[in-house]
Amino acid sequence: MGRGKYGNIVHFSLLLVADIPLLVVRLEWLHACAARDRWLEELHLLKEELRRLPLSFRAEKEAWNSKRESLPDENPHSHTYRGYQAYARRQARVYESLELEASRNWGDATTFNVPDASDD
């Protein structure tokens, strides 16, 4: 009781001021952990996206090949039928080219090891 009328408030304020550097360090640490976790999540997403890229191009290629094979029953010598065939064949080649390029450029990108967020 010897602190006077405002003694306890001043003492409490001094305690808060003394803890500010520790609080700042803790906040910086939490921000750094959150940034690391976001970065690791982005790496996981990128790795999965690169794994799926050639697969999606292959699926598109197969879809265009099946469209070419299942054209409506028309005269195979008509211009419309041959146009459909040519367009579907071209689209299948485009997606085949994209699949090969993605496999060549990003095929080994899925082998890198992404650390877990719990590896502190």
PDB file of N, CA and C in Angstrom:
ATOM      1  N   MET A   1       0.817  -1.192   0.000  1.00  0.00           N
ATOM      2  CA  MET A   1       0.000   0.000   0.000  1.00  0.00           C
ATOM      3  C   MET A   1       0.857   1.251   0.000  1.00  0.00           C
ATOM      4  N   GLY A   2       2.144   1.080   0.006  1.00  0.00           N
ATOM      5  CA  GLY A   2       2.995   2.229   0.050  1.00  0.00           C
ATOM      6  C   GLY A   2       3.240   2.850  -1.317  1.00  0.00           C
ATOM      7  N   ARG A   3       2.576   2.400  -2.340  1.00  0.00           N
ATOM      8  CA  ARG A   3       2.810   2.917  -3.683  1.00  0.00           C
ATOM      9  C   ARG A   3       1.993   4.165  -3.968  1.00  0.00           C
ATOM     10  N   GLY A   4       1.097   4.523  -3.169  1.00  0.00           N
ATOM     11  CA  GLY A   4       0.312   5.726  -3.371  1.00  0.00           C
ATOM     12  C   GLY A   4      -0.934   5.440  -4.186  1.00  0.00           C
ATOM     13  N   LYS A   5      -1.598   6.526  -4.563  1.00  0.00           N
ATOM     14  CA  LYS A   5      -2.884   6.417  -5.245  1.00  0.00           C
ATOM     15  C   LYS A   5      -2.743   5.741  -6.613  1.00  0.00           C
ATOM     16  N   TYR A   6      -1.704   6.058  -7.406  1.00  0.00           N
ATOM     17  CA  TYR A   6      -1.531   5.494  -8.746  1.00  0.00           C
ATOM     18  C   TYR A   6      -0.346   4.527  -8.821  1.00  0.00           C
ATOM     19  N   GLY A   7       0.173   4.153  -7.714  1.00  0.00           N
ATOM     20  CA  GLY A   7       1.365   3.308  -7.691  1.00  0.00           C
ATOM     21  C   GLY A   7       1.186   1.971  -8.381  1.00  0.00           C
ATOM     22  N   ASN A   8       0.058   1.292  -8.149  1.00  0.00           N
ATOM     23  CA  ASN A   8      -0.169  -0.012  -8.757  1.00  0.00           C
ATOM     24  C   ASN A   8      -0.308   0.097 -10.276  1.00  0.00           C
ATOM     25  N   ILE A   9      -0.955   1.156 -10.757  1.00  0.00           N
ATOM     26  CA  ILE A   9      -1.129   1.347 -12.199  1.00  0.00           C
ATOM     27  C   ILE A   9       0.226   1.584 -12.854  1.00  0.00           C
ATOM     28  N   VAL A  10       1.057   2.437 -12.221  1.00  0.00           N
ATOM     29  CA  VAL A  10       2.382   2.717 -12.773  1.00  0.00           C
ATOM     30  C   VAL A  10       3.220   1.446 -12.774  1.00  0.00           C
ATOM     31  N   HIS A  11       3.172   0.677 -11.687  1.00  0.00           N
ATOM     32  CA  HIS A  11       3.934  -0.565 -11.599  1.00  0.00           C
ATOM     33  C   HIS A  11       3.480  -1.541 -12.685  1.00  0.00           C
ATOM     34  N   PHE A  12       2.175  -1.676 -12.893  1.00  0.00           N
ATOM     35  CA  PHE A  12       1.624  -2.551 -13.917  1.00  0.00           C
ATOM     36  C   PHE A  12       2.057  -2.079 -15.302  1.00  0.00           C
ATOM     37  N   SER A  13       2.063  -0.772 -15.551  1.00  0.00           N
ATOM     38  CA  SER A  13       2.498  -0.211 -16.829  1.00  0.00           C
ATOM     39  C   SER A  13       3.957  -0.525 -17.088  1.00  0.00           C
ATOM     40  N   LEU A  14       4.766  -0.432 -16.059  1.00  0.00           N
ATOM     41  CA  LEU A  14       6.188  -0.747 -16.228  1.00  0.00           C
ATOM     42  C   LEU A  14       6.391  -2.219 -16.563  1.00  0.00           C
ATOM     43  N   LEU A  15       5.581  -3.090 -16.000  1.00  0.00           N
ATOM     44  CA  LEU A  15       5.667  -4.506 -16.336  1.00  0.00           C
ATOM     45  C   LEU A  15       5.312  -4.726 -17.803  1.00  0.00           C
ATOM     46  N   LEU A  16       4.287  -4.057 -18.286  1.00  0.00           N
ATOM     47  CA  LEU A  16       3.897  -4.190 -19.688  1.00  0.00           C
ATOM     48  C   LEU A  16       4.983  -3.676 -20.619  1.00  0.00           C
ATOM     49  N   VAL A  17       5.587  -2.569 -20.285  1.00  0.00           N
ATOM     50  CA  VAL A  17       6.659  -2.004 -21.109  1.00  0.00           C
ATOM     51  C   VAL A  17       7.858  -2.937 -21.123  1.00  0.00           C
ATOM     52  N   ALA A  18       8.135  -3.579 -20.015  1.00  0.00           N
ATOM     53  CA  ALA A  18       9.268  -4.496 -19.942  1.00  0.00           C
ATOM     54  C   ALA A  18       9.032  -5.728 -20.810  1.00  0.00           C
ATOM     55  N   ASP A  19       7.789  -6.135 -21.006  1.00  0.00           N
ATOM     56  CA  ASP A  19       7.479  -7.330 -21.796  1.00  0.00           C
ATOM     57  C   ASP A  19       7.348  -7.049 -23.289  1.00  0.00           C
ATOM     58  N   ILE A  20       7.420  -5.801 -23.720  1.00  0.00           N
ATOM     59  CA  ILE A  20       7.218  -5.472 -25.127  1.00  0.00           C
ATOM     60  C   ILE A  20       8.254  -6.132 -26.036  1.00  0.00           C
ATOM     61  N   PRO A  21       9.552  -6.088 -25.717  1.00  0.00           N
ATOM     62  CA  PRO A  21      10.502  -6.750 -26.623  1.00  0.00           C
ATOM     63  C   PRO A  21      10.210  -8.249 -26.782  1.00  0.00           C
ATOM     64  N   LEU A  22       9.865  -8.917 -25.711  1.00  0.00           N
ATOM     65  CA  LEU A  22       9.533 -10.337 -25.782  1.00  0.00           C
ATOM     66  C   LEU A  22       8.275 -10.547 -26.617  1.00  0.00           C
ATOM     67  N   LEU A  23       7.296  -9.696 -26.458  1.00  0.00           N
ATOM     68  CA  LEU A  23       6.065  -9.779 -27.229  1.00  0.00           C
ATOM     69  C   LEU A  23       6.338  -9.569 -28.716  1.00  0.00           C
ATOM     70  N   VAL A  24       7.199  -8.613 -29.030  1.00  0.00           N
ATOM     71  CA  VAL A  24       7.545  -8.341 -30.428  1.00  0.00           C
ATOM     72  C   VAL A  24       8.246  -9.553 -31.044  1.00  0.00           C
ATOM     73  N   VAL A  25       9.152 -10.144 -30.298  1.00  0.00           N
ATOM     74  CA  VAL A  25       9.860 -11.325 -30.796  1.00  0.00           C
ATOM     75  C   VAL A  25       8.879 -12.469 -31.035  1.00  0.00           C
ATOM     76  N   ARG A  26       7.948 -12.649 -30.105  1.00  0.00           N
ATOM     77  CA  ARG A  26       6.950 -13.716 -30.279  1.00  0.00           C
ATOM     78  C   ARG A  26       6.064 -13.467 -31.496  1.00  0.00           C
ATOM     79  N   LEU A  27       5.664 -12.212 -31.687  1.00  0.00           N
ATOM     80  CA  LEU A  27       4.840 -11.887 -32.849  1.00  0.00           C
ATOM     81  C   LEU A  27       5.608 -12.100 -34.153  1.00  0.00           C
ATOM     82  N   GLU A  28       6.871 -11.688 -34.179  1.00  0.00           N
ATOM     83  CA  GLU A  28       7.687 -11.916 -35.366  1.00  0.00           C
ATOM     84  C   GLU A  28       7.832 -13.406 -35.651  1.00  0.00           C
ATOM     85  N   TRP A  29       8.007 -14.198 -34.602  1.00  0.00           N
ATOM     86  CA  TRP A  29       8.132 -15.642 -34.756  1.00  0.00           C
ATOM     87  C   TRP A  29       6.841 -16.234 -35.320  1.00  0.00           C
ATOM     88  N   LEU A  30       5.693 -15.793 -34.801  1.00  0.00           N
ATOM     89  CA  LEU A  30       4.410 -16.287 -35.303  1.00  0.00           C
ATOM     90  C   LEU A  30       4.196 -15.906 -36.763  1.00  0.00           C
ATOM     91  N   HIS A  31       4.564 -14.692 -37.130  1.00  0.00           N
ATOM     92  CA  HIS A  31       4.436 -14.255 -38.522  1.00  0.00           C
ATOM     93  C   HIS A  31       5.348 -15.078 -39.424  1.00  0.00           C
ATOM     94  N   ALA A  32       6.554 -15.355 -38.966  1.00  0.00           N
ATOM     95  CA  ALA A  32       7.491 -16.149 -39.758  1.00  0.00           C
ATOM     96  C   ALA A  32       6.983 -17.578 -39.927  1.00  0.00           C
ATOM     97  N   CYS A  33       6.422 -18.143 -38.865  1.00  0.00           N
ATOM     98  CA  CYS A  33       5.853 -19.496 -38.964  1.00  0.00           C
ATOM     99  C   CYS A  33       4.683 -19.536 -39.927  1.00  0.00           C
ATOM    100  N   ALA A  34       3.835 -18.537 -39.872  1.00  0.00           N
ATOM    101  CA  ALA A  34       2.687 -18.478 -40.784  1.00  0.00           C
ATOM    102  C   ALA A  34       3.157 -18.335 -42.232  1.00  0.00           C
ATOM    103  N   ALA A  35       4.174 -17.522 -42.462  1.00  0.00           N
ATOM    104  CA  ALA A  35       4.707 -17.354 -43.819  1.00  0.00           C
ATOM    105  C   ALA A  35       5.318 -18.658 -44.323  1.00  0.00           C
ATOM    106  N   ARG A  36       6.046 -19.348 -43.450  1.00  0.00           N
ATOM    107  CA  ARG A  36       6.622 -20.640 -43.829  1.00  0.00           C
ATOM    108  C   ARG A  36       5.536 -21.655 -44.150  1.00  0.00           C
ATOM    109  N   ASP A  37       4.481 -21.692 -43.336  1.00  0.00           N
ATOM    110  CA  ASP A  37       3.392 -22.638 -43.585  1.00  0.00           C
ATOM    111  C   ASP A  37       2.686 -22.336 -44.906  1.00  0.00           C
ATOM    112  N   ARG A  38       2.491 -21.057 -45.220  1.00  0.00           N
ATOM    113  CA  ARG A  38       1.883 -20.689 -46.511  1.00  0.00           C
ATOM    114  C   ARG A  38       2.783 -21.124 -47.664  1.00  0.00           C
ATOM    115  N   TRP A  39       4.082 -20.939 -47.513  1.00  0.00           N
ATOM    116  CA  TRP A  39       5.038 -21.307 -48.545  1.00  0.00           C
ATOM    117  C   TRP A  39       5.036 -22.822 -48.756  1.00  0.00           C
ATOM    118  N   LEU A  40       5.021 -23.590 -47.663  1.00  0.00           N
ATOM    119  CA  LEU A  40       4.982 -25.051 -47.780  1.00  0.00           C
ATOM    120  C   LEU A  40       3.690 -25.520 -48.429  1.00  0.00           C
ATOM    121  N   GLU A  41       2.587 -24.881 -48.083  1.00  0.00           N
ATOM    122  CA  GLU A  41       1.312 -25.234 -48.707  1.00  0.00           C
ATOM    123  C   GLU A  41       1.361 -24.947 -50.213  1.00  0.00           C
ATOM    124  N   GLU A  42       1.952 -23.833 -50.576  1.00  0.00           N
ATOM    125  CA  GLU A  42       2.083 -23.487 -51.997  1.00  0.00           C
ATOM    126  C   GLU A  42       2.955 -24.515 -52.722  1.00  0.00           C
ATOM    127  N   LEU A  43       4.012 -24.988 -52.066  1.00  0.00           N
ATOM    128  CA  LEU A  43       4.855 -26.021 -52.670  1.00  0.00           C
ATOM    129  C   LEU A  43       4.079 -27.313 -52.881  1.00  0.00           C
ATOM    130  N   HIS A  44       3.273 -27.712 -51.893  1.00  0.00           N
ATOM    131  CA  HIS A  44       2.449 -28.914 -52.033  1.00  0.00           C
ATOM    132  C   HIS A  44       1.478 -28.762 -53.195  1.00  0.00           C
ATOM    133  N   LEU A  45       0.835 -27.604 -53.292  1.00  0.00           N
ATOM    134  CA  LEU A  45      -0.123 -27.373 -54.370  1.00  0.00           C
ATOM    135  C   LEU A  45       0.568 -27.375 -55.731  1.00  0.00           C
ATOM    136  N   LEU A  46       1.725 -26.754 -55.807  1.00  0.00           N
ATOM    137  CA  LEU A  46       2.463 -26.700 -57.068  1.00  0.00           C
ATOM    138  C   LEU A  46       2.915 -28.089 -57.498  1.00  0.00           C
ATOM    139  N   LYS A  47       3.390 -28.868 -56.559  1.00  0.00           N
ATOM    140  CA  LYS A  47       3.829 -30.233 -56.866  1.00  0.00           C
ATOM    141  C   LYS A  47       2.655 -31.055 -57.409  1.00  0.00           C
ATOM    142  N   GLU A  48       1.507 -30.943 -56.780  1.00  0.00           N
ATOM    143  CA  GLU A  48       0.328 -31.682 -57.240  1.00  0.00           C
ATOM    144  C   GLU A  48      -0.149 -31.173 -58.603  1.00  0.00           C
ATOM    145  N   GLU A  49      -0.100 -29.875 -58.799  1.00  0.00           N
ATOM    146  CA  GLU A  49      -0.511 -29.303 -60.079  1.00  0.00           C
ATOM    147  C   GLU A  49       0.409 -29.786 -61.208  1.00  0.00           C
ATOM    148  N   LEU A  50       1.705 -29.833 -60.950  1.00  0.00           N
ATOM    149  CA  LEU A  50       2.646 -30.312 -61.959  1.00  0.00           C
ATOM    150  C   LEU A  50       2.475 -31.800 -62.227  1.00  0.00           C
ATOM    151  N   ARG A  51       2.053 -32.552 -61.236  1.00  0.00           N
ATOM    152  CA  ARG A  51       1.798 -33.983 -61.443  1.00  0.00           C
ATOM    153  C   ARG A  51       0.569 -34.181 -62.325  1.00  0.00           C
ATOM    154  N   ARG A  52      -0.446 -33.352 -62.127  1.00  0.00           N
ATOM    155  CA  ARG A  52      -1.700 -33.514 -62.860  1.00  0.00           C
ATOM    156  C   ARG A  52      -1.675 -32.932 -64.272  1.00  0.00           C
ATOM    157  N   LEU A  53      -0.759 -32.026 -64.546  1.00  0.00           N
ATOM    158  CA  LEU A  53      -0.750 -31.331 -65.829  1.00  0.00           C
ATOM    159  C   LEU A  53      -0.654 -32.285 -67.021  1.00  0.00           C
ATOM    160  N   PRO A  54       0.345 -33.183 -67.097  1.00  0.00           N
ATOM    161  CA  PRO A  54       0.383 -34.102 -68.238  1.00  0.00           C
ATOM    162  C   PRO A  54      -0.828 -35.030 -68.285  1.00  0.00           C
ATOM    163  N   LEU A  55      -1.348 -35.388 -67.118  1.00  0.00           N
ATOM    164  CA  LEU A  55      -2.520 -36.272 -67.088  1.00  0.00           C
ATOM    165  C   LEU A  55      -3.745 -35.593 -67.690  1.00  0.00           C
ATOM    166  N   SER A  56      -3.905 -34.313 -67.412  1.00  0.00           N
ATOM    167  CA  SER A  56      -5.062 -33.610 -67.966  1.00  0.00           C
ATOM    168  C   SER A  56      -4.909 -33.422 -69.471  1.00  0.00           C
ATOM    169  N   PHE A  57      -3.689 -33.180 -69.947  1.00  0.00           N
ATOM    170  CA  PHE A  57      -3.481 -33.085 -71.393  1.00  0.00           C
ATOM    171  C   PHE A  57      -3.743 -34.433 -72.065  1.00  0.00           C
ATOM    172  N   ARG A  58      -3.337 -35.517 -71.420  1.00  0.00           N
ATOM    173  CA  ARG A  58      -3.597 -36.853 -71.973  1.00  0.00           C
ATOM    174  C   ARG A  58      -5.101 -37.119 -72.044  1.00  0.00           C
ATOM    175  N   ALA A  59      -5.816 -36.725 -71.011  1.00  0.00           N
ATOM    176  CA  ALA A  59      -7.270 -36.920 -71.015  1.00  0.00           C
ATOM    177  C   ALA A  59      -7.929 -36.118 -72.140  1.00  0.00           C
ATOM    178  N   GLU A  60      -7.465 -34.897 -72.370  1.00  0.00           N
ATOM    179  CA  GLU A  60      -8.008 -34.097 -73.472  1.00  0.00           C
ATOM    180  C   GLU A  60      -7.689 -34.729 -74.819  1.00  0.00           C
ATOM    181  N   LYS A  61      -6.479 -35.247 -74.971  1.00  0.00           N
ATOM    182  CA  LYS A  61      -6.097 -35.919 -76.217  1.00  0.00           C
ATOM    183  C   LYS A  61      -7.008 -37.117 -76.472  1.00  0.00           C
ATOM    184  N   GLU A  62      -7.227 -37.920 -75.435  1.00  0.00           N
ATOM    185  CA  GLU A  62      -8.088 -39.091 -75.581  1.00  0.00           C
ATOM    186  C   GLU A  62      -9.530 -38.693 -75.868  1.00  0.00           C
ATOM    187  N   ALA A  63      -9.981 -37.586 -75.279  1.00  0.00           N
ATOM    188  CA  ALA A  63     -11.347 -37.117 -75.549  1.00  0.00           C
ATOM    189  C   ALA A  63     -11.497 -36.720 -77.010  1.00  0.00           C
ATOM    190  N   TRP A  64     -10.499 -36.023 -77.561  1.00  0.00           N
ATOM    191  CA  TRP A  64     -10.579 -35.633 -78.967  1.00  0.00           C
ATOM    192  C   TRP A  64     -10.469 -36.840 -79.882  1.00  0.00           C
ATOM    193  N   ASN A  65      -9.669 -37.824 -79.515  1.00  0.00           N
ATOM    194  CA  ASN A  65      -9.597 -39.054 -80.315  1.00  0.00           C
ATOM    195  C   ASN A  65     -10.926 -39.801 -80.303  1.00  0.00           C
ATOM    196  N   SER A  66     -11.571 -39.835 -79.147  1.00  0.00           N
ATOM    197  CA  SER A  66     -12.870 -40.523 -79.095  1.00  0.00           C
ATOM    198  C   SER A  66     -13.940 -39.737 -79.850  1.00  0.00           C
ATOM    199  N   LYS A  67     -13.846 -38.402 -79.832  1.00  0.00           N
ATOM    200  CA  LYS A  67     -14.795 -37.610 -80.626  1.00  0.00           C
ATOM    201  C   LYS A  67     -14.601 -37.883 -82.110  1.00  0.00           C
ATOM    202  N   ARG A  68     -13.355 -38.026 -82.512  1.00  0.00           N
ATOM    203  CA  ARG A  68     -13.078 -38.294 -83.920  1.00  0.00           C
ATOM    204  C   ARG A  68     -13.636 -39.647 -84.342  1.00  0.00           C
ATOM    205  N   GLU A  69     -13.549 -40.629 -83.435  1.00  0.00           N
ATOM    206  CA  GLU A  69     -14.022 -41.973 -83.754  1.00  0.00           C
ATOM    207  C   GLU A  69     -15.540 -42.084 -83.683  1.00  0.00           C
ATOM    208  N   SER A  70     -16.192 -41.205 -82.932  1.00  0.00           N
ATOM    209  CA  SER A  70     -17.638 -41.315 -82.762  1.00  0.00           C
ATOM    210  C   SER A  70     -18.368 -40.171 -83.470  1.00  0.00           C
ATOM    211  N   LEU A  71     -17.938 -39.858 -84.667  1.00  0.00           N
ATOM    212  CA  LEU A  71     -18.618 -38.824 -85.440  1.00  0.00           C
ATOM    213  C   LEU A  71     -19.958 -39.340 -85.923  1.00  0.00           C
ATOM    214  N   PRO A  72     -20.894 -38.443 -86.198  1.00  0.00           N
ATOM    215  CA  PRO A  72     -22.206 -38.884 -86.668  1.00  0.00           C
ATOM    216  C   PRO A  72     -22.079 -39.661 -87.977  1.00  0.00           C
ATOM    217  N   ASP A  73     -23.023 -40.556 -88.151  1.00  0.00           N
ATOM    218  CA  ASP A  73     -23.018 -41.380 -89.364  1.00  0.00           C
ATOM    219  C   ASP A  73     -23.362 -40.524 -90.569  1.00  0.00           C
ATOM    220  N   GLU A  74     -22.342 -40.133 -91.256  1.00  0.00           N
ATOM    221  CA  GLU A  74     -22.499 -39.364 -92.483  1.00  0.00           C
ATOM    222  C   GLU A  74     -21.676 -40.052 -93.558  1.00  0.00           C
ATOM    223  N   ASN A  75     -21.762 -39.530 -94.685  1.00  0.00           N
ATOM    224  CA  ASN A  75     -20.931 -40.014 -95.767  1.00  0.00           C
ATOM    225  C   ASN A  75     -19.481 -39.696 -95.444  1.00  0.00           C
ATOM    226  N   PRO A  76     -18.630 -40.715 -95.309  1.00  0.00           N
ATOM    227  CA  PRO A  76     -17.235 -40.452 -94.947  1.00  0.00           C
ATOM    228  C   PRO A  76     -16.476 -39.646 -95.997  1.00  0.00           C
ATOM    229  N   HIS A  77     -17.058 -39.469 -97.141  1.00  0.00           N
ATOM    230  CA  HIS A  77     -16.389 -38.714 -98.191  1.00  0.00           C
ATOM    231  C   HIS A  77     -16.897 -37.275 -98.274  1.00  0.00           C
ATOM    232  N   SER A  78     -17.834 -36.901 -97.395  1.00  0.00           N
ATOM    233  CA  SER A  78     -18.357 -35.532 -97.449  1.00  0.00           C
ATOM    234  C   SER A  78     -17.346 -34.559 -96.841  1.00  0.00           C
ATOM    235  N   HIS A  79     -17.445 -33.321 -97.254  1.00  0.00           N
ATOM    236  CA  HIS A  79     -16.517 -32.304 -96.751  1.00  0.00           C
ATOM    237  C   HIS A  79     -16.718 -32.070 -95.257  1.00  0.00           C
ATOM    238  N   THR A  80     -17.948 -32.098 -94.803  1.00  0.00           N
ATOM    239  CA  THR A  80     -18.222 -31.870 -93.376  1.00  0.00           C
ATOM    240  C   THR A  80     -17.595 -32.971 -92.527  1.00  0.00           C
ATOM    241  N   TYR A  81     -17.791 -34.210 -92.933  1.00  0.00           N
ATOM    242  CA  TYR A  81     -17.236 -35.341 -92.192  1.00  0.00           C
ATOM    243  C   TYR A  81     -15.716 -35.257 -92.159  1.00  0.00           C
ATOM    244  N   ARG A  82     -15.108 -34.986 -93.299  1.00  0.00           N
ATOM    245  CA  ARG A  82     -13.647 -34.892 -93.345  1.00  0.00           C
ATOM    246  C   ARG A  82     -13.146 -33.684 -92.545  1.00  0.00           C
ATOM    247  N   GLY A  83     -13.925 -32.598 -92.512  1.00  0.00           N
ATOM    248  CA  GLY A  83     -13.553 -31.429 -91.705  1.00  0.00           C
ATOM    249  C   GLY A  83     -13.572 -31.747 -90.215  1.00  0.00           C
ATOM    250  N   TYR A  84     -14.634 -32.472 -89.780  1.00  0.00           N
ATOM    251  CA  TYR A  84     -14.692 -32.890 -88.377  1.00  0.00           C
ATOM    252  C   TYR A  84     -13.504 -33.779 -88.036  1.00  0.00           C
ATOM    253  N   GLN A  85     -13.210 -34.721 -88.930  1.00  0.00           N
ATOM    254  CA  GLN A  85     -12.082 -35.630 -88.696  1.00  0.00           C
ATOM    255  C   GLN A  85     -10.769 -34.839 -88.572  1.00  0.00           C
ATOM    256  N   ALA A  86     -10.557 -33.916 -89.497  1.00  0.00           N
ATOM    257  CA  ALA A  86      -9.307 -33.152 -89.496  1.00  0.00           C
ATOM    258  C   ALA A  86      -9.191 -32.292 -88.238  1.00  0.00           C
ATOM    259  N   TYR A  87     -10.292 -31.655 -87.840  1.00  0.00           N
ATOM    260  CA  TYR A  87     -10.248 -30.791 -86.658  1.00  0.00           C
ATOM    261  C   TYR A  87      -9.975 -31.619 -85.400  1.00  0.00           C
ATOM    262  N   ALA A  88     -10.662 -32.744 -85.262  1.00  0.00           N
ATOM    263  CA  ALA A  88     -10.463 -33.586 -84.075  1.00  0.00           C
ATOM    264  C   ALA A  88      -9.048 -34.146 -84.054  1.00  0.00           C
ATOM    265  N   ARG A  89      -8.532 -34.531 -85.208  1.00  0.00           N
ATOM    266  CA  ARG A  89      -7.171 -35.057 -85.283  1.00  0.00           C
ATOM    267  C   ARG A  89      -6.160 -33.962 -84.891  1.00  0.00           C
ATOM    268  N   ARG A  90      -6.393 -32.743 -85.378  1.00  0.00           N
ATOM    269  CA  ARG A  90      -5.490 -31.638 -85.048  1.00  0.00           C
ATOM    270  C   ARG A  90      -5.519 -31.331 -83.551  1.00  0.00           C
ATOM    271  N   GLN A  91      -6.705 -31.287 -82.970  1.00  0.00           N
ATOM    272  CA  GLN A  91      -6.813 -31.016 -81.528  1.00  0.00           C
ATOM    273  C   GLN A  91      -6.130 -32.107 -80.714  1.00  0.00           C
ATOM    274  N   ALA A  92      -6.272 -33.359 -81.137  1.00  0.00           N
ATOM    275  CA  ALA A  92      -5.608 -34.459 -80.423  1.00  0.00           C
ATOM    276  C   ALA A  92      -4.093 -34.292 -80.502  1.00  0.00           C
ATOM    277  N   ARG A  93      -3.581 -33.870 -81.658  1.00  0.00           N
ATOM    278  CA  ARG A  93      -2.136 -33.656 -81.799  1.00  0.00           C
ATOM    279  C   ARG A  93      -1.666 -32.491 -80.933  1.00  0.00           C
ATOM    280  N   VAL A  94      -2.473 -31.446 -80.848  1.00  0.00           N
ATOM    281  CA  VAL A  94      -2.117 -30.297 -79.999  1.00  0.00           C
ATOM    282  C   VAL A  94      -1.974 -30.748 -78.552  1.00  0.00           C
ATOM    283  N   TYR A  95      -2.945 -31.508 -78.063  1.00  0.00           N
ATOM    284  CA  TYR A  95      -2.881 -31.946 -76.668  1.00  0.00           C
ATOM    285  C   TYR A  95      -1.795 -32.992 -76.447  1.00  0.00           C
ATOM    286  N   GLU A  96      -1.508 -33.794 -77.460  1.00  0.00           N
ATOM    287  CA  GLU A  96      -0.398 -34.730 -77.341  1.00  0.00           C
ATOM    288  C   GLU A  96       0.924 -33.969 -77.230  1.00  0.00           C
ATOM    289  N   SER A  97       1.073 -32.922 -78.025  1.00  0.00           N
ATOM    290  CA  SER A  97       2.269 -32.093 -77.963  1.00  0.00           C
ATOM    291  C   SER A  97       2.396 -31.419 -76.593  1.00  0.00           C
ATOM    292  N   LEU A  98       1.289 -30.911 -76.080  1.00  0.00           N
ATOM    293  CA  LEU A  98       1.310 -30.288 -74.751  1.00  0.00           C
ATOM    294  C   LEU A  98       1.649 -31.297 -73.667  1.00  0.00           C
ATOM    295  N   GLU A  99       1.126 -32.510 -73.798  1.00  0.00           N
ATOM    296  CA  GLU A  99       1.423 -33.554 -72.818  1.00  0.00           C
ATOM    297  C   GLU A  99       2.915 -33.887 -72.816  1.00  0.00           C
ATOM    298  N   LEU A 100       3.484 -34.049 -74.014  1.00  0.00           N
ATOM    299  CA  LEU A 100       4.911 -34.378 -74.106  1.00  0.00           C
ATOM    300  C   LEU A 100       5.778 -33.244 -73.575  1.00  0.00           C
ATOM    301  N   GLU A 101       5.408 -32.021 -73.900  1.00  0.00           N
ATOM    302  CA  GLU A 101       6.187 -30.874 -73.422  1.00  0.00           C
ATOM    303  C   GLU A 101       6.095 -30.742 -71.903  1.00  0.00           C
ATOM    304  N   ALA A 102       4.901 -30.950 -71.349  1.00  0.00           N
ATOM    305  CA  ALA A 102       4.744 -30.871 -69.892  1.00  0.00           C
ATOM    306  C   ALA A 102       5.529 -31.979 -69.208  1.00  0.00           C
ATOM    307  N   SER A 103       5.510 -33.179 -69.778  1.00  0.00           N
ATOM    308  CA  SER A 103       6.279 -34.280 -69.187  1.00  0.00           C
ATOM    309  C   SER A 103       7.764 -34.002 -69.257  1.00  0.00           C
ATOM    310  N   ARG A 104       8.203 -33.441 -70.378  1.00  0.00           N
ATOM    311  CA  ARG A 104       9.625 -33.149 -70.545  1.00  0.00           C
ATOM    312  C   ARG A 104      10.071 -32.016 -69.605  1.00  0.00           C
ATOM    313  N   ASN A 105       9.261 -30.973 -69.513  1.00  0.00           N
ATOM    314  CA  ASN A 105       9.650 -29.808 -68.710  1.00  0.00           C
ATOM    315  C   ASN A 105       9.406 -29.984 -67.229  1.00  0.00           C
ATOM    316  N   TRP A 106       8.350 -30.669 -66.857  1.00  0.00           N
ATOM    317  CA  TRP A 106       7.955 -30.722 -65.451  1.00  0.00           C
ATOM    318  C   TRP A 106       7.910 -32.133 -64.885  1.00  0.00           C
ATOM    319  N   GLY A 107       8.351 -33.118 -65.657  1.00  0.00           N
ATOM    320  CA  GLY A 107       8.271 -34.508 -65.204  1.00  0.00           C
ATOM    321  C   GLY A 107       9.046 -34.772 -63.930  1.00  0.00           C
ATOM    322  N   ASP A 108      10.217 -34.158 -63.791  1.00  0.00           N
ATOM    323  CA  ASP A 108      11.027 -34.396 -62.596  1.00  0.00           C
ATOM    324  C   ASP A 108      10.717 -33.406 -61.480  1.00  0.00           C
ATOM    325  N   ALA A 109       9.824 -32.462 -61.729  1.00  0.00           N
ATOM    326  CA  ALA A 109       9.490 -31.473 -60.691  1.00  0.00           C
ATOM    327  C   ALA A 109       8.702 -32.104 -59.551  1.00  0.00           C
ATOM    328  N   THR A 110       8.073 -33.242 -59.804  1.00  0.00           N
ATOM    329  CA  THR A 110       7.284 -33.872 -58.745  1.00  0.00           C
ATOM    330  C   THR A 110       8.140 -34.747 -57.841  1.00  0.00           C
ATOM    331  N   THR A 111       9.430 -34.860 -58.138  1.00  0.00           N
ATOM    332  CA  THR A 111      10.282 -35.708 -57.301  1.00  0.00           C
ATOM    333  C   THR A 111      10.930 -34.945 -56.154  1.00  0.00           C
ATOM    334  N   PHE A 112      10.820 -33.603 -56.159  1.00  0.00           N
ATOM    335  CA  PHE A 112      11.438 -32.876 -55.054  1.00  0.00           C
ATOM    336  C   PHE A 112      10.644 -33.114 -53.776  1.00  0.00           C
ATOM    337  N   ASN A 113      11.366 -33.111 -52.675  1.00  0.00           N
ATOM    338  CA  ASN A 113      10.764 -33.418 -51.381  1.00  0.00           C
ATOM    339  C   ASN A 113      10.339 -32.127 -50.690  1.00  0.00           C
ATOM    340  N   VAL A 114       9.072 -32.051 -50.362  1.00  0.00           N
ATOM    341  CA  VAL A 114       8.540 -30.888 -49.656  1.00  0.00           C
ATOM    342  C   VAL A 114       8.519 -31.223 -48.166  1.00  0.00           C
ATOM    343  N   PRO A 115       9.207 -30.442 -47.337  1.00  0.00           N
ATOM    344  CA  PRO A 115       9.199 -30.726 -45.898  1.00  0.00           C
ATOM    345  C   PRO A 115       7.824 -30.465 -45.287  1.00  0.00           C
ATOM    346  N   ASP A 116       7.545 -31.172 -44.237  1.00  0.00           N
ATOM    347  CA  ASP A 116       6.279 -30.955 -43.515  1.00  0.00           C
ATOM    348  C   ASP A 116       6.391 -29.712 -42.650  1.00  0.00           C
ATOM    349  N   ALA A 117       5.243 -29.113 -42.353  1.00  0.00           N
ATOM    350  CA  ALA A 117       5.223 -27.938 -41.481  1.00  0.00           C
ATOM    351  C   ALA A 117       5.607 -28.308 -40.055  1.00  0.00           C
ATOM    352  N   SER A 118       5.496 -29.588 -39.708  1.00  0.00           N
ATOM    353  CA  SER A 118       5.818 -30.007 -38.342  1.00  0.00           C
ATOM    354  C   SER A 118       7.316 -30.236 -38.144  1.00  0.00           C
ATOM    355  N   ASP A 119       8.116 -30.115 -39.231  1.00  0.00           N
ATOM    356  CA  ASP A 119       9.568 -30.300 -39.111  1.00  0.00           C
ATOM    357  C   ASP A 119      10.221 -29.022 -38.596  1.00  0.00           C
ATOM    358  N   ASP A 120      10.038 -28.722 -37.356  1.00  0.00           N
ATOM    359  CA  ASP A 120      10.610 -27.489 -36.771  1.00  0.00           C
ATOM    360  C   ASP A 120      11.964 -27.756 -36.183  1.00  0.00           C
TER     361      ASP A 120
END
